[in-house]
Amino acid sequence: MVYVEMSSVESGLRFKTRSGLIVETTGVTHHIDTTQVNVHEVVIVEGDGQGEKYLHNLDVAEKI
Protein backbone atom coordinates (compact mmCIF):
# COMPACT_ATOMS: atom_id res chain seq x y z
CA MET A 1 0.00 0.00 0.00
CA VAL A 2 1.31 3.45 -0.88
CA TYR A 3 0.25 5.79 1.92
CA VAL A 4 1.95 8.86 0.41
CA GLU A 5 -0.58 8.70 -2.42
CA MET A 6 -3.60 8.37 -0.11
CA SER A 7 -5.47 11.61 0.57
CA SER A 8 -6.87 10.15 3.79
CA VAL A 9 -6.26 7.27 6.15
CA GLU A 10 -8.58 5.85 8.79
CA SER A 11 -7.82 6.50 12.44
CA GLY A 12 -6.66 3.74 14.74
CA LEU A 13 -4.14 2.01 12.44
CA ARG A 14 -0.95 1.03 14.27
CA PHE A 15 2.58 1.12 12.90
CA LYS A 16 6.08 0.53 14.19
CA THR A 17 8.50 3.24 13.07
CA ARG A 18 12.12 2.66 12.11
CA SER A 19 13.13 3.99 15.53
CA GLY A 20 10.93 1.40 17.26
CA LEU A 21 8.07 3.65 18.36
CA ILE A 22 4.53 2.30 18.18
CA VAL A 23 2.26 4.95 16.65
CA GLU A 24 -1.43 5.12 15.81
CA THR A 25 -3.07 7.16 13.06
CA THR A 26 -5.42 9.98 14.07
CA GLY A 27 -7.18 10.27 10.72
CA VAL A 28 -5.64 13.67 9.90
CA THR A 29 -3.76 13.97 6.59
CA HIS A 30 -1.74 16.84 5.11
CA HIS A 31 -0.64 17.24 1.49
CA ILE A 32 2.92 18.51 0.99
CA ASP A 33 2.82 20.55 -2.22
CA THR A 34 6.58 20.79 -2.76
CA THR A 35 7.01 17.02 -2.94
CA GLN A 36 3.46 16.05 -3.97
CA VAL A 37 3.05 13.51 -1.16
CA ASN A 38 0.65 13.06 1.72
CA VAL A 39 1.75 12.65 5.32
CA HIS A 40 -0.48 11.41 8.10
CA GLU A 41 -0.74 12.52 11.70
CA VAL A 42 0.13 9.85 14.26
CA VAL A 43 0.22 9.74 18.03
CA ILE A 44 2.91 7.80 19.88
CA VAL A 45 1.20 5.04 21.89
CA GLU A 46 4.33 3.17 23.07
CA GLY A 47 7.86 4.45 23.53
CA ASP A 48 9.59 7.74 24.27
CA GLY A 49 7.25 10.69 23.83
CA GLN A 50 4.07 8.71 24.46
CA GLY A 51 1.03 10.90 23.71
CA GLU A 52 2.91 13.23 21.36
CA LYS A 53 1.56 13.78 17.83
CA TYR A 54 3.54 14.33 14.66
CA LEU A 55 3.29 13.91 10.87
CA HIS A 56 4.77 10.75 9.40
CA ASN A 57 5.32 9.12 6.01
CA LEU A 58 3.72 5.76 6.76
CA ASP A 59 5.46 4.12 3.79
CA VAL A 60 8.63 3.91 5.90
CA ALA A 61 6.87 2.25 8.87
CA GLU A 62 5.76 -1.35 9.42
CA LYS A 63 2.01 -1.91 9.86
CA ILE A 64 1.22 -4.01 12.94
PDB file of N, CA and C in Angstrom:
ATOM      1  N   MET A   1       0.846  -1.177   0.000  1.00  0.00           N
ATOM      2  CA  MET A   1       0.000   0.000   0.000  1.00  0.00           C
ATOM      3  C   MET A   1       0.891   1.239   0.000  1.00  0.00           C
ATOM      4  N   VAL A   2       0.518   2.223  -0.770  1.00  0.00           N
ATOM      5  CA  VAL A   2       1.309   3.452  -0.882  1.00  0.00           C
ATOM      6  C   VAL A   2       0.571   4.574  -0.150  1.00  0.00           C
ATOM      7  N   TYR A   3       0.941   4.794   1.094  1.00  0.00           N
ATOM      8  CA  TYR A   3       0.254   5.788   1.918  1.00  0.00           C
ATOM      9  C   TYR A   3       0.509   7.219   1.462  1.00  0.00           C
ATOM     10  N   VAL A   4       1.670   7.490   0.854  1.00  0.00           N
ATOM     11  CA  VAL A   4       1.954   8.863   0.415  1.00  0.00           C
ATOM     12  C   VAL A   4       1.005   9.301  -0.698  1.00  0.00           C
ATOM     13  N   GLU A   5       0.368   8.360  -1.372  1.00  0.00           N
ATOM     14  CA  GLU A   5      -0.581   8.698  -2.424  1.00  0.00           C
ATOM     15  C   GLU A   5      -2.016   8.795  -1.907  1.00  0.00           C
ATOM     16  N   MET A   6      -2.248   8.370  -0.669  1.00  0.00           N
ATOM     17  CA  MET A   6      -3.596   8.366  -0.105  1.00  0.00           C
ATOM     18  C   MET A   6      -3.931   9.729   0.488  1.00  0.00           C
ATOM     19  N   SER A   7      -5.067  10.294   0.075  1.00  0.00           N
ATOM     20  CA  SER A   7      -5.466  11.609   0.575  1.00  0.00           C
ATOM     21  C   SER A   7      -6.110  11.533   1.950  1.00  0.00           C
ATOM     22  N   SER A   8      -6.366  10.328   2.433  1.00  0.00           N
ATOM     23  CA  SER A   8      -6.867  10.151   3.789  1.00  0.00           C
ATOM     24  C   SER A   8      -6.515   8.746   4.258  1.00  0.00           C
ATOM     25  N   VAL A   9      -6.517   8.578   5.552  1.00  0.00           N
ATOM     26  CA  VAL A   9      -6.263   7.269   6.153  1.00  0.00           C
ATOM     27  C   VAL A   9      -7.155   7.178   7.393  1.00  0.00           C
ATOM     28  N   GLU A  10      -7.691   6.000   7.643  1.00  0.00           N
ATOM     29  CA  GLU A  10      -8.580   5.854   8.791  1.00  0.00           C
ATOM     30  C   GLU A  10      -7.799   5.980  10.097  1.00  0.00           C
ATOM     31  N   SER A  11      -8.480   6.392  11.127  1.00  0.00           N
ATOM     32  CA  SER A  11      -7.822   6.502  12.435  1.00  0.00           C
ATOM     33  C   SER A  11      -7.740   5.127  13.081  1.00  0.00           C
ATOM     34  N   GLY A  12      -6.792   4.965  13.980  1.00  0.00           N
ATOM     35  CA  GLY A  12      -6.656   3.737  14.743  1.00  0.00           C
ATOM     36  C   GLY A  12      -5.731   2.691  14.158  1.00  0.00           C
ATOM     37  N   LEU A  13      -5.104   2.960  13.005  1.00  0.00           N
ATOM     38  CA  LEU A  13      -4.144   2.013  12.437  1.00  0.00           C
ATOM     39  C   LEU A  13      -2.834   2.133  13.204  1.00  0.00           C
ATOM     40  N   ARG A  14      -2.203   1.010  13.503  1.00  0.00           N
ATOM     41  CA  ARG A  14      -0.951   1.031  14.266  1.00  0.00           C
ATOM     42  C   ARG A  14       0.234   0.645  13.388  1.00  0.00           C
ATOM     43  N   PHE A  15       1.340   1.341  13.633  1.00  0.00           N
ATOM     44  CA  PHE A  15       2.578   1.123  12.899  1.00  0.00           C
ATOM     45  C   PHE A  15       3.748   1.138  13.863  1.00  0.00           C
ATOM     46  N   LYS A  16       4.824   0.446  13.467  1.00  0.00           N
ATOM     47  CA  LYS A  16       6.085   0.526  14.189  1.00  0.00           C
ATOM     48  C   LYS A  16       7.049   1.305  13.317  1.00  0.00           C
ATOM     49  N   THR A  17       7.589   2.398  13.843  1.00  0.00           N
ATOM     50  CA  THR A  17       8.498   3.237  13.075  1.00  0.00           C
ATOM     51  C   THR A  17       9.887   2.623  13.047  1.00  0.00           C
ATOM     52  N   ARG A  18      10.737   3.150  12.186  1.00  0.00           N
ATOM     53  CA  ARG A  18      12.123   2.663  12.110  1.00  0.00           C
ATOM     54  C   ARG A  18      12.850   2.790  13.435  1.00  0.00           C
ATOM     55  N   SER A  19      12.466   3.790  14.236  1.00  0.00           N
ATOM     56  CA  SER A  19      13.126   3.990  15.530  1.00  0.00           C
ATOM     57  C   SER A  19      12.516   3.136  16.634  1.00  0.00           C
ATOM     58  N   GLY A  20      11.504   2.319  16.294  1.00  0.00           N
ATOM     59  CA  GLY A  20      10.932   1.399  17.257  1.00  0.00           C
ATOM     60  C   GLY A  20       9.726   1.910  18.017  1.00  0.00           C
ATOM     61  N   LEU A  21       9.258   3.119  17.700  1.00  0.00           N
ATOM     62  CA  LEU A  21       8.065   3.651  18.357  1.00  0.00           C
ATOM     63  C   LEU A  21       6.814   2.977  17.793  1.00  0.00           C
ATOM     64  N   ILE A  22       5.825   2.774  18.634  1.00  0.00           N
ATOM     65  CA  ILE A  22       4.528   2.295  18.177  1.00  0.00           C
ATOM     66  C   ILE A  22       3.631   3.527  18.085  1.00  0.00           C
ATOM     67  N   VAL A  23       3.102   3.774  16.894  1.00  0.00           N
ATOM     68  CA  VAL A  23       2.263   4.948  16.655  1.00  0.00           C
ATOM     69  C   VAL A  23       0.911   4.513  16.120  1.00  0.00           C
ATOM     70  N   GLU A  24      -0.075   5.396  16.278  1.00  0.00           N
ATOM     71  CA  GLU A  24      -1.434   5.122  15.807  1.00  0.00           C
ATOM     72  C   GLU A  24      -1.933   6.329  15.022  1.00  0.00           C
ATOM     73  N   THR A  25      -2.573   6.073  13.889  1.00  0.00           N
ATOM     74  CA  THR A  25      -3.073   7.164  13.057  1.00  0.00           C
ATOM     75  C   THR A  25      -4.240   7.864  13.745  1.00  0.00           C
ATOM     76  N   THR A  26      -4.329   9.181  13.504  1.00  0.00           N
ATOM     77  CA  THR A  26      -5.419   9.979  14.074  1.00  0.00           C
ATOM     78  C   THR A  26      -6.515  10.248  13.047  1.00  0.00           C
ATOM     79  N   GLY A  27      -6.218   9.983  11.780  1.00  0.00           N
ATOM     80  CA  GLY A  27      -7.182  10.269  10.717  1.00  0.00           C
ATOM     81  C   GLY A  27      -6.951  11.604  10.029  1.00  0.00           C
ATOM     82  N   VAL A  28      -5.961  12.363  10.493  1.00  0.00           N
ATOM     83  CA  VAL A  28      -5.638  13.669   9.897  1.00  0.00           C
ATOM     84  C   VAL A  28      -4.539  13.473   8.863  1.00  0.00           C
ATOM     85  N   THR A  29      -4.727  14.069   7.679  1.00  0.00           N
ATOM     86  CA  THR A  29      -3.756  13.967   6.592  1.00  0.00           C
ATOM     87  C   THR A  29      -3.433  15.355   6.070  1.00  0.00           C
ATOM     88  N   HIS A  30      -2.170  15.579   5.707  1.00  0.00           N
ATOM     89  CA  HIS A  30      -1.740  16.843   5.110  1.00  0.00           C
ATOM     90  C   HIS A  30      -1.032  16.552   3.793  1.00  0.00           C
ATOM     91  N   HIS A  31      -1.318  17.364   2.789  1.00  0.00           N
ATOM     92  CA  HIS A  31      -0.640  17.241   1.494  1.00  0.00           C
ATOM     93  C   HIS A  31       0.546  18.197   1.472  1.00  0.00           C
ATOM     94  N   ILE A  32       1.713  17.691   1.095  1.00  0.00           N
ATOM     95  CA  ILE A  32       2.921  18.509   0.988  1.00  0.00           C
ATOM     96  C   ILE A  32       3.095  18.869  -0.489  1.00  0.00           C
ATOM     97  N   ASP A  33       2.809  20.117  -0.824  1.00  0.00           N
ATOM     98  CA  ASP A  33       2.822  20.550  -2.223  1.00  0.00           C
ATOM     99  C   ASP A  33       4.189  20.435  -2.885  1.00  0.00           C
ATOM    100  N   THR A  34       5.244  20.752  -2.145  1.00  0.00           N
ATOM    101  CA  THR A  34       6.577  20.789  -2.760  1.00  0.00           C
ATOM    102  C   THR A  34       7.055  19.427  -3.224  1.00  0.00           C
ATOM    103  N   THR A  35       6.592  18.368  -2.558  1.00  0.00           N
ATOM    104  CA  THR A  35       7.015  17.022  -2.938  1.00  0.00           C
ATOM    105  C   THR A  35       5.867  16.170  -3.478  1.00  0.00           C
ATOM    106  N   GLN A  36       4.651  16.740  -3.473  1.00  0.00           N
ATOM    107  CA  GLN A  36       3.461  16.045  -3.969  1.00  0.00           C
ATOM    108  C   GLN A  36       3.217  14.709  -3.278  1.00  0.00           C
ATOM    109  N   VAL A  37       3.342  14.699  -1.948  1.00  0.00           N
ATOM    110  CA  VAL A  37       3.049  13.509  -1.161  1.00  0.00           C
ATOM    111  C   VAL A  37       2.096  13.886  -0.029  1.00  0.00           C
ATOM    112  N   ASN A  38       1.500  12.875   0.551  1.00  0.00           N
ATOM    113  CA  ASN A  38       0.647  13.058   1.719  1.00  0.00           C
ATOM    114  C   ASN A  38       1.344  12.462   2.933  1.00  0.00           C
ATOM    115  N   VAL A  39       1.245  13.158   4.058  1.00  0.00           N
ATOM    116  CA  VAL A  39       1.745  12.649   5.319  1.00  0.00           C
ATOM    117  C   VAL A  39       0.569  12.577   6.281  1.00  0.00           C
ATOM    118  N   HIS A  40       0.644  11.672   7.215  1.00  0.00           N
ATOM    119  CA  HIS A  40      -0.481  11.409   8.097  1.00  0.00           C
ATOM    120  C   HIS A  40      -0.083  11.654   9.548  1.00  0.00           C
ATOM    121  N   GLU A  41      -1.004  12.241  10.293  1.00  0.00           N
ATOM    122  CA  GLU A  41      -0.739  12.515  11.697  1.00  0.00           C
ATOM    123  C   GLU A  41      -0.843  11.216  12.491  1.00  0.00           C
ATOM    124  N   VAL A  42       0.126  11.013  13.373  1.00  0.00           N
ATOM    125  CA  VAL A  42       0.130   9.847  14.256  1.00  0.00           C
ATOM    126  C   VAL A  42       0.372  10.323  15.686  1.00  0.00           C
ATOM    127  N   VAL A  43      -0.050   9.497  16.618  1.00  0.00           N
ATOM    128  CA  VAL A  43       0.225   9.738  18.034  1.00  0.00           C
ATOM    129  C   VAL A  43       1.047   8.556  18.539  1.00  0.00           C
ATOM    130  N   ILE A  44       2.056   8.848  19.331  1.00  0.00           N
ATOM    131  CA  ILE A  44       2.910   7.798  19.885  1.00  0.00           C
ATOM    132  C   ILE A  44       2.144   7.108  21.012  1.00  0.00           C
ATOM    133  N   VAL A  45       1.941   5.788  20.871  1.00  0.00           N
ATOM    134  CA  VAL A  45       1.205   5.043  21.892  1.00  0.00           C
ATOM    135  C   VAL A  45       2.119   4.191  22.756  1.00  0.00           C
ATOM    136  N   GLU A  46       3.339   3.911  22.286  1.00  0.00           N
ATOM    137  CA  GLU A  46       4.328   3.171  23.074  1.00  0.00           C
ATOM    138  C   GLU A  46       5.709   3.705  22.734  1.00  0.00           C
ATOM    139  N   GLY A  47       6.497   3.972  23.751  1.00  0.00           N
ATOM    140  CA  GLY A  47       7.858   4.447  23.531  1.00  0.00           C
ATOM    141  C   GLY A  47       8.050   5.860  24.039  1.00  0.00           C
ATOM    142  N   ASP A  48       9.271   6.375  23.849  1.00  0.00           N
ATOM    143  CA  ASP A  48       9.595   7.736  24.274  1.00  0.00           C
ATOM    144  C   ASP A  48       8.649   8.725  23.611  1.00  0.00           C
ATOM    145  N   GLY A  49       8.142   9.669  24.383  1.00  0.00           N
ATOM    146  CA  GLY A  49       7.248  10.689  23.833  1.00  0.00           C
ATOM    147  C   GLY A  49       5.799  10.257  23.773  1.00  0.00           C
ATOM    148  N   GLN A  50       5.435   9.228  24.497  1.00  0.00           N
ATOM    149  CA  GLN A  50       4.068   8.713  24.463  1.00  0.00           C
ATOM    150  C   GLN A  50       3.062   9.851  24.605  1.00  0.00           C
ATOM    151  N   GLY A  51       2.059   9.862  23.716  1.00  0.00           N
ATOM    152  CA  GLY A  51       1.025  10.901  23.712  1.00  0.00           C
ATOM    153  C   GLY A  51       1.304  12.043  22.756  1.00  0.00           C
ATOM    154  N   GLU A  52       2.545  12.161  22.298  1.00  0.00           N
ATOM    155  CA  GLU A  52       2.910  13.225  21.361  1.00  0.00           C
ATOM    156  C   GLU A  52       2.406  12.892  19.957  1.00  0.00           C
ATOM    157  N   LYS A  53       2.024  13.944  19.214  1.00  0.00           N
ATOM    158  CA  LYS A  53       1.558  13.779  17.826  1.00  0.00           C
ATOM    159  C   LYS A  53       2.582  14.371  16.872  1.00  0.00           C
ATOM    160  N   TYR A  54       2.699  13.767  15.702  1.00  0.00           N
ATOM    161  CA  TYR A  54       3.544  14.326  14.657  1.00  0.00           C
ATOM    162  C   TYR A  54       3.107  13.780  13.315  1.00  0.00           C
ATOM    163  N   LEU A  55       3.608  14.361  12.227  1.00  0.00           N
ATOM    164  CA  LEU A  55       3.292  13.913  10.872  1.00  0.00           C
ATOM    165  C   LEU A  55       4.328  12.892  10.432  1.00  0.00           C
ATOM    166  N   HIS A  56       3.863  11.844   9.741  1.00  0.00           N
ATOM    167  CA  HIS A  56       4.770  10.750   9.399  1.00  0.00           C
ATOM    168  C   HIS A  56       4.447  10.206   8.016  1.00  0.00           C
ATOM    169  N   ASN A  57       5.476   9.826   7.283  1.00  0.00           N
ATOM    170  CA  ASN A  57       5.319   9.122   6.012  1.00  0.00           C
ATOM    171  C   ASN A  57       5.183   7.644   6.363  1.00  0.00           C
ATOM    172  N   LEU A  58       3.976   7.133   6.317  1.00  0.00           N
ATOM    173  CA  LEU A  58       3.719   5.764   6.759  1.00  0.00           C
ATOM    174  C   LEU A  58       4.359   4.705   5.867  1.00  0.00           C
ATOM    175  N   ASP A  59       4.816   5.083   4.676  1.00  0.00           N
ATOM    176  CA  ASP A  59       5.456   4.122   3.792  1.00  0.00           C
ATOM    177  C   ASP A  59       6.783   3.629   4.352  1.00  0.00           C
ATOM    178  N   VAL A  60       7.357   4.334   5.311  1.00  0.00           N
ATOM    179  CA  VAL A  60       8.629   3.911   5.900  1.00  0.00           C
ATOM    180  C   VAL A  60       8.432   3.259   7.266  1.00  0.00           C
ATOM    181  N   ALA A  61       7.176   2.920   7.607  1.00  0.00           N
ATOM    182  CA  ALA A  61       6.867   2.247   8.870  1.00  0.00           C
ATOM    183  C   ALA A  61       6.253   0.883   8.571  1.00  0.00           C
ATOM    184  N   GLU A  62       6.298   0.008   9.556  1.00  0.00           N
ATOM    185  CA  GLU A  62       5.756  -1.347   9.416  1.00  0.00           C
ATOM    186  C   GLU A  62       4.383  -1.405  10.071  1.00  0.00           C
ATOM    187  N   LYS A  63       3.369  -1.800   9.306  1.00  0.00           N
ATOM    188  CA  LYS A  63       2.012  -1.915   9.860  1.00  0.00           C
ATOM    189  C   LYS A  63       1.965  -3.111  10.797  1.00  0.00           C
ATOM    190  N   ILE A  64       1.353  -2.897  11.977  1.00  0.00           N
ATOM    191  CA  ILE A  64       1.224  -4.006  12.941  1.00  0.00           C
ATOM    192  C   ILE A  64      -0.230  -4.240  13.282  1.00  0.00           C
TER     193      ILE A  64
END
